[in-house]
N, C-alpha and C. Protein backbone atom coordinates (compact mmCIF):
# COMPACT_ATOMS: atom_id res chain seq x y z
N MET A 1 24.28 3.34 -10.98
CA MET A 1 23.50 2.57 -10.04
C MET A 1 22.10 3.17 -9.94
N SER A 2 21.08 2.33 -10.02
CA SER A 2 19.71 2.84 -9.98
C SER A 2 19.31 3.18 -8.55
N GLU A 3 18.39 4.13 -8.44
CA GLU A 3 17.93 4.57 -7.14
C GLU A 3 17.05 3.50 -6.50
N GLU A 4 17.20 3.35 -5.19
CA GLU A 4 16.42 2.39 -4.45
C GLU A 4 14.95 2.76 -4.47
N LYS A 5 14.09 1.81 -4.77
CA LYS A 5 12.65 2.05 -4.81
C LYS A 5 12.10 2.03 -3.40
N LYS A 6 11.19 2.98 -3.10
CA LYS A 6 10.61 3.10 -1.76
C LYS A 6 9.15 2.66 -1.78
N ILE A 7 8.81 1.87 -0.76
CA ILE A 7 7.45 1.35 -0.63
C ILE A 7 6.93 1.63 0.77
N LEU A 8 5.68 2.02 0.85
CA LEU A 8 5.01 2.20 2.14
C LEU A 8 4.03 1.04 2.31
N VAL A 9 4.19 0.28 3.39
CA VAL A 9 3.30 -0.82 3.71
C VAL A 9 2.50 -0.44 4.95
N VAL A 10 1.17 -0.52 4.84
CA VAL A 10 0.30 -0.26 5.99
C VAL A 10 -0.69 -1.42 6.10
N ASP A 11 -0.52 -2.19 7.16
CA ASP A 11 -1.40 -3.33 7.44
C ASP A 11 -1.53 -3.42 8.95
N ASP A 12 -2.76 -3.43 9.45
CA ASP A 12 -2.97 -3.44 10.90
C ASP A 12 -2.61 -4.76 11.55
N GLU A 13 -2.32 -5.77 10.77
CA GLU A 13 -1.87 -7.06 11.31
C GLU A 13 -0.34 -7.04 11.33
N PRO A 14 0.26 -6.95 12.54
CA PRO A 14 1.72 -6.84 12.63
C PRO A 14 2.48 -7.95 11.91
N ASP A 15 1.96 -9.17 11.96
CA ASP A 15 2.65 -10.28 11.28
C ASP A 15 2.69 -10.06 9.78
N ASN A 16 1.57 -9.66 9.19
CA ASN A 16 1.54 -9.38 7.75
C ASN A 16 2.50 -8.26 7.40
N ALA A 17 2.43 -7.17 8.15
CA ALA A 17 3.29 -6.01 7.87
C ALA A 17 4.76 -6.41 7.93
N SER A 18 5.11 -7.18 8.93
CA SER A 18 6.50 -7.60 9.11
C SER A 18 6.96 -8.53 8.00
N ILE A 19 6.14 -9.51 7.65
CA ILE A 19 6.51 -10.46 6.60
C ILE A 19 6.62 -9.77 5.24
N PHE A 20 5.66 -8.90 4.92
CA PHE A 20 5.73 -8.17 3.64
C PHE A 20 7.00 -7.32 3.59
N THR A 21 7.28 -6.64 4.70
CA THR A 21 8.45 -5.77 4.75
C THR A 21 9.74 -6.56 4.57
N MET A 22 9.88 -7.66 5.29
CA MET A 22 11.10 -8.47 5.16
C MET A 22 11.29 -8.98 3.74
N GLY A 23 10.20 -9.46 3.12
CA GLY A 23 10.30 -9.97 1.76
C GLY A 23 10.70 -8.90 0.76
N LEU A 24 10.12 -7.72 0.90
CA LEU A 24 10.44 -6.62 -0.01
C LEU A 24 11.85 -6.09 0.22
N GLU A 25 12.26 -5.97 1.48
CA GLU A 25 13.62 -5.51 1.77
C GLU A 25 14.65 -6.52 1.28
N ASP A 26 14.36 -7.80 1.43
CA ASP A 26 15.27 -8.84 0.93
C ASP A 26 15.47 -8.73 -0.58
N ASP A 27 14.47 -8.16 -1.25
CA ASP A 27 14.57 -8.00 -2.70
C ASP A 27 15.13 -6.63 -3.09
N GLY A 28 15.57 -5.84 -2.10
CA GLY A 28 16.26 -4.59 -2.40
C GLY A 28 15.43 -3.32 -2.30
N TYR A 29 14.19 -3.43 -1.85
CA TYR A 29 13.35 -2.24 -1.72
C TYR A 29 13.57 -1.59 -0.36
N LYS A 30 13.41 -0.28 -0.30
CA LYS A 30 13.40 0.47 0.96
C LYS A 30 11.94 0.52 1.39
N VAL A 31 11.65 0.03 2.60
CA VAL A 31 10.27 -0.11 3.03
C VAL A 31 10.04 0.61 4.36
N ASP A 32 9.01 1.44 4.41
CA ASP A 32 8.52 2.01 5.65
C ASP A 32 7.22 1.28 5.97
N THR A 33 7.09 0.85 7.23
CA THR A 33 5.96 0.02 7.61
C THR A 33 5.21 0.61 8.79
N PHE A 34 3.90 0.55 8.71
CA PHE A 34 3.04 1.00 9.80
C PHE A 34 1.92 -0.01 9.99
N THR A 35 1.50 -0.18 11.25
CA THR A 35 0.35 -1.03 11.54
C THR A 35 -0.87 -0.18 11.89
N ASP A 36 -0.70 1.12 11.91
CA ASP A 36 -1.79 2.04 12.21
C ASP A 36 -1.89 3.06 11.08
N PRO A 37 -3.03 3.14 10.39
CA PRO A 37 -3.15 4.06 9.26
C PRO A 37 -3.01 5.53 9.67
N LEU A 38 -3.46 5.89 10.85
CA LEU A 38 -3.34 7.28 11.28
C LEU A 38 -1.88 7.66 11.52
N SER A 39 -1.10 6.74 12.06
CA SER A 39 0.34 6.99 12.24
C SER A 39 1.04 7.11 10.89
N ALA A 40 0.64 6.27 9.95
CA ALA A 40 1.23 6.32 8.60
C ALA A 40 0.93 7.68 7.96
N LEU A 41 -0.30 8.13 8.07
CA LEU A 41 -0.68 9.42 7.50
C LEU A 41 0.05 10.56 8.17
N SER A 42 0.16 10.51 9.48
CA SER A 42 0.86 11.55 10.23
C SER A 42 2.32 11.64 9.80
N ALA A 43 2.99 10.50 9.68
CA ALA A 43 4.39 10.48 9.24
C ALA A 43 4.52 11.01 7.81
N PHE A 44 3.56 10.66 6.97
CA PHE A 44 3.57 11.11 5.58
C PHE A 44 3.42 12.63 5.51
N LYS A 45 2.54 13.18 6.33
CA LYS A 45 2.31 14.63 6.35
C LYS A 45 3.50 15.39 6.92
N GLU A 46 4.14 14.82 7.93
CA GLU A 46 5.27 15.49 8.59
C GLU A 46 6.46 15.65 7.67
N ASP A 47 6.70 14.69 6.83
CA ASP A 47 7.86 14.71 5.95
C ASP A 47 7.39 14.80 4.50
N LYS A 48 7.24 16.02 4.02
CA LYS A 48 6.74 16.25 2.66
C LYS A 48 7.69 15.67 1.59
N ARG A 49 8.93 15.42 1.98
CA ARG A 49 9.89 14.86 1.02
C ARG A 49 9.73 13.36 0.88
N ARG A 50 8.93 12.79 1.74
CA ARG A 50 8.70 11.34 1.74
C ARG A 50 7.98 10.97 0.44
N LYS A 51 8.69 10.41 -0.48
CA LYS A 51 8.10 10.00 -1.76
C LYS A 51 8.22 8.50 -1.90
N TYR A 52 7.12 7.90 -2.27
CA TYR A 52 7.09 6.45 -2.42
C TYR A 52 6.78 6.09 -3.86
N ASP A 53 7.39 5.01 -4.31
CA ASP A 53 7.10 4.49 -5.63
C ASP A 53 5.81 3.69 -5.61
N LEU A 54 5.45 3.15 -4.42
CA LEU A 54 4.26 2.33 -4.30
C LEU A 54 3.76 2.33 -2.86
N LEU A 55 2.44 2.37 -2.72
CA LEU A 55 1.79 2.16 -1.43
C LEU A 55 1.17 0.78 -1.46
N ILE A 56 1.35 0.01 -0.40
CA ILE A 56 0.67 -1.27 -0.24
C ILE A 56 -0.19 -1.12 1.00
N LEU A 57 -1.51 -1.04 0.79
CA LEU A 57 -2.43 -0.71 1.87
C LEU A 57 -3.48 -1.79 2.07
N ASP A 58 -3.57 -2.26 3.29
CA ASP A 58 -4.67 -3.14 3.66
C ASP A 58 -5.94 -2.29 3.60
N ILE A 59 -7.04 -2.87 3.21
CA ILE A 59 -8.28 -2.09 3.15
C ILE A 59 -8.95 -2.02 4.51
N LYS A 60 -9.14 -3.16 5.14
CA LYS A 60 -9.89 -3.19 6.40
C LYS A 60 -8.94 -2.95 7.58
N MET A 61 -9.00 -1.72 8.12
CA MET A 61 -8.19 -1.36 9.28
C MET A 61 -9.05 -0.49 10.20
N PRO A 62 -8.72 -0.47 11.48
CA PRO A 62 -9.48 0.38 12.41
C PRO A 62 -9.16 1.86 12.20
N ASP A 63 -10.09 2.69 12.54
CA ASP A 63 -9.97 4.16 12.51
C ASP A 63 -10.00 4.75 11.09
N MET A 64 -9.36 4.12 10.15
CA MET A 64 -9.32 4.61 8.78
C MET A 64 -9.03 3.43 7.86
N ASN A 65 -9.90 3.22 6.87
CA ASN A 65 -9.62 2.09 5.97
C ASN A 65 -8.60 2.49 4.90
N GLY A 66 -8.15 1.52 4.15
CA GLY A 66 -7.12 1.77 3.14
C GLY A 66 -7.54 2.76 2.07
N PHE A 67 -8.82 2.74 1.68
CA PHE A 67 -9.31 3.70 0.69
C PHE A 67 -9.22 5.12 1.23
N GLU A 68 -9.63 5.30 2.48
CA GLU A 68 -9.58 6.64 3.10
C GLU A 68 -8.14 7.11 3.25
N LEU A 69 -7.25 6.21 3.65
CA LEU A 69 -5.84 6.56 3.77
C LEU A 69 -5.27 6.98 2.42
N TYR A 70 -5.59 6.23 1.39
CA TYR A 70 -5.11 6.57 0.05
C TYR A 70 -5.62 7.95 -0.38
N GLU A 71 -6.87 8.24 -0.12
CA GLU A 71 -7.43 9.55 -0.49
C GLU A 71 -6.66 10.68 0.19
N GLN A 72 -6.30 10.50 1.45
CA GLN A 72 -5.56 11.52 2.18
C GLN A 72 -4.12 11.65 1.65
N ILE A 73 -3.47 10.54 1.40
CA ILE A 73 -2.10 10.58 0.88
C ILE A 73 -2.08 11.18 -0.52
N LYS A 74 -3.10 10.87 -1.31
CA LYS A 74 -3.17 11.39 -2.69
C LYS A 74 -3.24 12.92 -2.70
N LYS A 75 -3.78 13.51 -1.65
CA LYS A 75 -3.82 14.98 -1.55
C LYS A 75 -2.41 15.56 -1.41
N ILE A 76 -1.49 14.77 -0.89
CA ILE A 76 -0.11 15.20 -0.69
C ILE A 76 0.75 14.82 -1.90
N ASP A 77 0.53 13.63 -2.43
CA ASP A 77 1.28 13.13 -3.59
C ASP A 77 0.30 12.44 -4.54
N ASN A 78 -0.18 13.18 -5.52
CA ASN A 78 -1.22 12.65 -6.40
C ASN A 78 -0.69 11.72 -7.49
N LYS A 79 0.61 11.46 -7.50
CA LYS A 79 1.18 10.57 -8.52
C LYS A 79 1.51 9.18 -7.97
N VAL A 80 1.29 8.98 -6.68
CA VAL A 80 1.69 7.72 -6.06
C VAL A 80 0.83 6.56 -6.55
N LYS A 81 1.47 5.41 -6.75
CA LYS A 81 0.77 4.19 -7.15
C LYS A 81 0.34 3.45 -5.90
N VAL A 82 -0.73 2.68 -6.02
CA VAL A 82 -1.25 1.98 -4.84
C VAL A 82 -1.68 0.56 -5.19
N CYS A 83 -1.46 -0.32 -4.24
CA CYS A 83 -1.94 -1.68 -4.30
C CYS A 83 -2.75 -1.91 -3.03
N PHE A 84 -4.01 -2.23 -3.18
CA PHE A 84 -4.87 -2.51 -2.03
C PHE A 84 -4.86 -4.01 -1.75
N LEU A 85 -4.77 -4.36 -0.48
CA LEU A 85 -4.80 -5.75 -0.05
C LEU A 85 -6.05 -5.99 0.77
N THR A 86 -6.70 -7.12 0.56
CA THR A 86 -7.83 -7.47 1.40
C THR A 86 -8.12 -8.96 1.34
N ALA A 87 -8.63 -9.46 2.43
CA ALA A 87 -9.11 -10.83 2.46
C ALA A 87 -10.59 -10.88 2.12
N TYR A 88 -11.20 -9.71 2.03
CA TYR A 88 -12.65 -9.59 1.83
C TYR A 88 -12.97 -8.88 0.53
N GLU A 89 -12.50 -9.39 -0.56
CA GLU A 89 -12.65 -8.74 -1.86
C GLU A 89 -14.09 -8.41 -2.20
N GLU A 90 -14.99 -9.33 -1.93
CA GLU A 90 -16.38 -9.13 -2.32
C GLU A 90 -16.99 -7.88 -1.69
N GLY A 91 -16.64 -7.60 -0.45
CA GLY A 91 -17.21 -6.45 0.24
C GLY A 91 -16.69 -5.12 -0.26
N TYR A 92 -15.58 -5.11 -0.99
CA TYR A 92 -14.98 -3.85 -1.41
C TYR A 92 -14.97 -3.64 -2.92
N THR A 93 -15.42 -4.61 -3.67
CA THR A 93 -15.37 -4.50 -5.12
C THR A 93 -16.13 -3.27 -5.63
N GLU A 94 -17.33 -3.04 -5.12
CA GLU A 94 -18.12 -1.90 -5.57
C GLU A 94 -17.47 -0.57 -5.19
N GLU A 95 -16.96 -0.49 -3.95
CA GLU A 95 -16.30 0.74 -3.51
C GLU A 95 -15.06 1.00 -4.36
N PHE A 96 -14.31 -0.06 -4.67
CA PHE A 96 -13.13 0.05 -5.52
C PHE A 96 -13.51 0.58 -6.90
N LYS A 97 -14.58 0.04 -7.48
CA LYS A 97 -15.03 0.47 -8.81
C LYS A 97 -15.48 1.93 -8.80
N LYS A 98 -16.10 2.37 -7.71
CA LYS A 98 -16.53 3.77 -7.61
C LYS A 98 -15.33 4.70 -7.53
N MET A 99 -14.32 4.31 -6.76
CA MET A 99 -13.13 5.15 -6.60
C MET A 99 -12.27 5.19 -7.86
N PHE A 100 -12.24 4.07 -8.59
CA PHE A 100 -11.38 3.94 -9.75
C PHE A 100 -12.19 3.40 -10.93
N PRO A 101 -13.13 4.19 -11.45
CA PRO A 101 -14.04 3.70 -12.49
C PRO A 101 -13.36 3.29 -13.79
N SER A 102 -12.22 3.87 -14.08
CA SER A 102 -11.58 3.55 -15.35
C SER A 102 -10.39 2.62 -15.18
N SER A 103 -10.34 1.90 -14.04
CA SER A 103 -9.17 1.05 -13.76
C SER A 103 -7.90 1.85 -13.95
N SER A 104 -7.83 2.96 -13.25
CA SER A 104 -6.71 3.90 -13.36
C SER A 104 -5.37 3.20 -13.36
N LEU A 105 -4.44 3.77 -14.10
CA LEU A 105 -3.08 3.27 -14.04
C LEU A 105 -2.55 3.54 -12.64
N GLY A 106 -1.74 2.65 -12.16
CA GLY A 106 -1.14 2.86 -10.85
C GLY A 106 -1.98 2.36 -9.69
N VAL A 107 -3.08 1.67 -9.98
CA VAL A 107 -3.95 1.16 -8.93
C VAL A 107 -4.18 -0.33 -9.17
N SER A 108 -4.00 -1.12 -8.11
CA SER A 108 -4.28 -2.54 -8.25
C SER A 108 -4.90 -3.06 -6.96
N PHE A 109 -5.33 -4.29 -7.02
CA PHE A 109 -6.11 -4.90 -5.96
C PHE A 109 -5.66 -6.34 -5.82
N ILE A 110 -5.18 -6.73 -4.63
CA ILE A 110 -4.69 -8.10 -4.42
C ILE A 110 -5.45 -8.72 -3.25
N ARG A 111 -5.82 -9.94 -3.44
CA ARG A 111 -6.54 -10.67 -2.39
C ARG A 111 -5.55 -11.38 -1.47
N LYS A 112 -5.76 -11.23 -0.15
CA LYS A 112 -4.98 -11.96 0.84
C LYS A 112 -5.71 -13.27 1.14
N PRO A 113 -5.04 -14.30 1.54
CA PRO A 113 -3.60 -14.32 1.78
C PRO A 113 -2.80 -14.39 0.48
N ILE A 114 -1.61 -13.83 0.54
CA ILE A 114 -0.70 -13.88 -0.60
C ILE A 114 0.67 -14.27 -0.08
N ARG A 115 1.32 -15.13 -0.81
CA ARG A 115 2.69 -15.51 -0.43
C ARG A 115 3.61 -14.33 -0.70
N VAL A 116 4.61 -14.18 0.15
CA VAL A 116 5.52 -13.05 0.03
C VAL A 116 6.21 -13.03 -1.32
N ASP A 117 6.65 -14.17 -1.80
CA ASP A 117 7.34 -14.18 -3.10
C ASP A 117 6.39 -13.78 -4.23
N ASP A 118 5.10 -14.10 -4.11
CA ASP A 118 4.13 -13.66 -5.11
C ASP A 118 3.92 -12.15 -5.03
N LEU A 119 3.90 -11.60 -3.82
CA LEU A 119 3.77 -10.15 -3.65
C LEU A 119 4.98 -9.45 -4.27
N VAL A 120 6.17 -9.96 -4.01
CA VAL A 120 7.39 -9.36 -4.57
C VAL A 120 7.36 -9.40 -6.10
N LYS A 121 6.89 -10.51 -6.67
CA LYS A 121 6.78 -10.61 -8.14
C LYS A 121 5.82 -9.55 -8.68
N LYS A 122 4.69 -9.36 -7.99
CA LYS A 122 3.72 -8.36 -8.44
C LYS A 122 4.32 -6.95 -8.35
N VAL A 123 5.04 -6.68 -7.26
CA VAL A 123 5.66 -5.37 -7.08
C VAL A 123 6.67 -5.13 -8.20
N LYS A 124 7.46 -6.13 -8.54
CA LYS A 124 8.43 -5.99 -9.64
C LYS A 124 7.71 -5.69 -10.95
N GLY A 125 6.53 -6.25 -11.13
CA GLY A 125 5.75 -6.02 -12.35
C GLY A 125 5.25 -4.60 -12.49
N TRP A 126 5.13 -3.91 -11.36
CA TRP A 126 4.67 -2.51 -11.42
C TRP A 126 5.84 -1.61 -11.61
């Protein structure tokens, strides 16, 4: 039996976080969900054994954006893959290119809104 894949979802919109989580769990993934990036980071730091196969991070969030959260998590687990979500792709394209100039493996960018089944298909593809 294969090991259950773990995903961390961080989106400051509770409805999005809940819908993404339900869709991923229905497909067999183990999902930890946060609506506050600082709480997500704190939980990640507290449990060093917390290993995720994928991070799904909203970019635009209060207190800490998704890029900043990823940078902090990467200091703890530099092998983690990430998918950034945003409804404002144009505003973040340049920042994304600066952070990932070579289109690094394990990094992707999805524009919201996205249907849950489409998100699940993309996650399966990674």
